[in-house]
Amino acid sequence: MNDSGTLFFVLMAGLAATMTLVYFPLRFFLTATARSRRLRLLQRIRRLRDELGQPIDT
């Protein structure tokens, strides 16, 4: 009975370590790409707003 408890603990610890090694880099990557996309969109909006604020050259 003691061996099955140890095996269960080792399996759960291994699963937790694997999830940590996969989840955190993936979460960091997705957060970084979302922020860069949002920043590019905001810069594009600012540029468009600046262009619209200038008089049209005819």
N, C-alpha and C. Protein backbone atom coordinates (compact mmCIF):
# COMPACT_ATOMS: atom_id res chain seq x y z
N MET A 1 0.83 -1.20 0.00
CA MET A 1 0.00 0.00 0.00
C MET A 1 0.86 1.25 0.00
N ASN A 2 1.97 1.20 0.71
CA ASN A 2 2.86 2.35 0.78
C ASN A 2 3.48 2.65 -0.58
N ASP A 3 3.78 1.61 -1.35
CA ASP A 3 4.39 1.80 -2.67
C ASP A 3 3.44 2.49 -3.64
N SER A 4 2.16 2.16 -3.57
CA SER A 4 1.20 2.78 -4.48
C SER A 4 1.02 4.26 -4.13
N GLY A 5 1.11 4.60 -2.85
CA GLY A 5 1.02 6.00 -2.44
C GLY A 5 2.21 6.79 -2.92
N THR A 6 3.38 6.19 -2.85
CA THR A 6 4.60 6.84 -3.34
C THR A 6 4.54 7.01 -4.84
N LEU A 7 4.09 5.98 -5.54
CA LEU A 7 3.97 6.04 -7.00
C LEU A 7 2.98 7.14 -7.41
N PHE A 8 1.86 7.22 -6.71
CA PHE A 8 0.87 8.26 -7.00
C PHE A 8 1.47 9.65 -6.79
N PHE A 9 2.20 9.84 -5.71
CA PHE A 9 2.82 11.13 -5.44
C PHE A 9 3.83 11.50 -6.52
N VAL A 10 4.66 10.54 -6.92
CA VAL A 10 5.67 10.80 -7.95
C VAL A 10 4.99 11.14 -9.28
N LEU A 11 3.95 10.42 -9.63
CA LEU A 11 3.21 10.70 -10.87
C LEU A 11 2.58 12.09 -10.84
N MET A 12 1.97 12.44 -9.72
CA MET A 12 1.33 13.76 -9.60
C MET A 12 2.38 14.88 -9.63
N ALA A 13 3.50 14.65 -8.96
CA ALA A 13 4.57 15.66 -8.98
C ALA A 13 5.13 15.82 -10.39
N GLY A 14 5.30 14.72 -11.10
CA GLY A 14 5.78 14.77 -12.48
C GLY A 14 4.79 15.49 -13.38
N LEU A 15 3.51 15.22 -13.21
CA LEU A 15 2.48 15.90 -13.99
C LEU A 15 2.46 17.40 -13.70
N ALA A 16 2.59 17.76 -12.44
CA ALA A 16 2.62 19.18 -12.07
C ALA A 16 3.85 19.88 -12.67
N ALA A 17 4.99 19.21 -12.64
CA ALA A 17 6.21 19.80 -13.21
C ALA A 17 6.06 19.97 -14.72
N THR A 18 5.50 18.98 -15.38
CA THR A 18 5.30 19.06 -16.83
C THR A 18 4.34 20.18 -17.18
N MET A 19 3.25 20.31 -16.44
CA MET A 19 2.29 21.38 -16.70
C MET A 19 2.94 22.75 -16.49
N THR A 20 3.78 22.85 -15.47
CA THR A 20 4.46 24.11 -15.21
C THR A 20 5.41 24.47 -16.34
N LEU A 21 6.16 23.48 -16.82
CA LEU A 21 7.12 23.74 -17.90
C LEU A 21 6.43 24.09 -19.21
N VAL A 22 5.21 23.64 -19.40
CA VAL A 22 4.47 23.96 -20.63
C VAL A 22 3.65 25.24 -20.46
N TYR A 23 2.96 25.38 -19.33
CA TYR A 23 2.01 26.47 -19.15
C TYR A 23 2.69 27.84 -19.07
N PHE A 24 3.70 27.99 -18.26
CA PHE A 24 4.27 29.32 -18.04
C PHE A 24 4.93 29.91 -19.29
N PRO A 25 5.75 29.16 -20.02
CA PRO A 25 6.28 29.76 -21.26
C PRO A 25 5.18 30.08 -22.27
N LEU A 26 4.18 29.20 -22.37
CA LEU A 26 3.07 29.45 -23.30
C LEU A 26 2.29 30.69 -22.88
N ARG A 27 2.00 30.82 -21.59
CA ARG A 27 1.26 31.98 -21.10
C ARG A 27 2.07 33.27 -21.32
N PHE A 28 3.37 33.21 -21.07
CA PHE A 28 4.22 34.38 -21.28
C PHE A 28 4.24 34.78 -22.75
N PHE A 29 4.37 33.80 -23.64
CA PHE A 29 4.38 34.08 -25.08
C PHE A 29 3.06 34.69 -25.53
N LEU A 30 1.96 34.12 -25.11
CA LEU A 30 0.65 34.64 -25.53
C LEU A 30 0.40 36.04 -24.99
N THR A 31 0.83 36.31 -23.77
CA THR A 31 0.67 37.63 -23.20
C THR A 31 1.52 38.65 -23.94
N ALA A 32 2.75 38.28 -24.26
CA ALA A 32 3.65 39.20 -24.97
C ALA A 32 3.12 39.52 -26.36
N THR A 33 2.62 38.51 -27.08
CA THR A 33 2.11 38.76 -28.43
C THR A 33 0.84 39.58 -28.39
N ALA A 34 0.00 39.35 -27.40
CA ALA A 34 -1.24 40.14 -27.29
C ALA A 34 -0.91 41.60 -27.00
N ARG A 35 0.07 41.83 -26.14
CA ARG A 35 0.46 43.21 -25.83
C ARG A 35 1.04 43.92 -27.04
N SER A 36 1.86 43.20 -27.81
CA SER A 36 2.46 43.84 -28.98
C SER A 36 1.40 44.13 -30.03
N ARG A 37 0.42 43.22 -30.18
CA ARG A 37 -0.68 43.47 -31.12
C ARG A 37 -1.49 44.69 -30.70
N ARG A 38 -1.76 44.78 -29.41
CA ARG A 38 -2.53 45.92 -28.89
C ARG A 38 -1.76 47.22 -29.08
N LEU A 39 -0.45 47.19 -28.84
CA LEU A 39 0.37 48.38 -29.02
C LEU A 39 0.39 48.83 -30.47
N ARG A 40 0.54 47.87 -31.40
CA ARG A 40 0.52 48.23 -32.83
C ARG A 40 -0.82 48.82 -33.22
N LEU A 41 -1.91 48.27 -32.71
CA LEU A 41 -3.24 48.79 -33.01
C LEU A 41 -3.39 50.22 -32.49
N LEU A 42 -2.94 50.47 -31.27
CA LEU A 42 -3.03 51.82 -30.71
C LEU A 42 -2.19 52.81 -31.51
N GLN A 43 -1.01 52.39 -31.95
CA GLN A 43 -0.18 53.28 -32.77
C GLN A 43 -0.85 53.58 -34.10
N ARG A 44 -1.49 52.57 -34.67
CA ARG A 44 -2.20 52.78 -35.94
C ARG A 44 -3.37 53.75 -35.75
N ILE A 45 -4.09 53.61 -34.66
CA ILE A 45 -5.21 54.51 -34.37
C ILE A 45 -4.70 55.94 -34.20
N ARG A 46 -3.59 56.11 -33.48
CA ARG A 46 -3.02 57.45 -33.29
C ARG A 46 -2.62 58.07 -34.63
N ARG A 47 -1.99 57.26 -35.49
CA ARG A 47 -1.60 57.77 -36.81
C ARG A 47 -2.81 58.19 -37.62
N LEU A 48 -3.84 57.38 -37.62
CA LEU A 48 -5.06 57.73 -38.35
C LEU A 48 -5.71 58.99 -37.79
N ARG A 49 -5.73 59.10 -36.46
CA ARG A 49 -6.31 60.28 -35.83
C ARG A 49 -5.52 61.54 -36.21
N ASP A 50 -4.18 61.42 -36.23
CA ASP A 50 -3.34 62.55 -36.64
C ASP A 50 -3.60 62.92 -38.10
N GLU A 51 -3.73 61.90 -38.96
CA GLU A 51 -3.99 62.18 -40.37
C GLU A 51 -5.34 62.83 -40.57
N LEU A 52 -6.32 62.41 -39.81
CA LEU A 52 -7.67 62.99 -39.95
C LEU A 52 -7.71 64.41 -39.40
N GLY A 53 -6.85 64.72 -38.45
CA GLY A 53 -6.84 66.06 -37.87
C GLY A 53 -6.18 67.09 -38.76
N GLN A 54 -5.39 66.65 -39.72
CA GLN A 54 -4.70 67.58 -40.61
C GLN A 54 -5.62 67.97 -41.76
N PRO A 55 -5.49 69.20 -42.25
CA PRO A 55 -6.32 69.61 -43.39
C PRO A 55 -5.92 68.83 -44.64
N ILE A 56 -6.92 68.60 -45.49
CA ILE A 56 -6.68 67.86 -46.73
C ILE A 56 -6.02 68.79 -47.76
N ASP A 57 -4.93 68.31 -48.36
CA ASP A 57 -4.25 69.08 -49.41
C ASP A 57 -4.93 68.83 -50.73
N THR A 58 -5.37 69.93 -51.41
CA THR A 58 -6.01 69.75 -52.72
C THR A 58 -5.23 70.44 -53.80
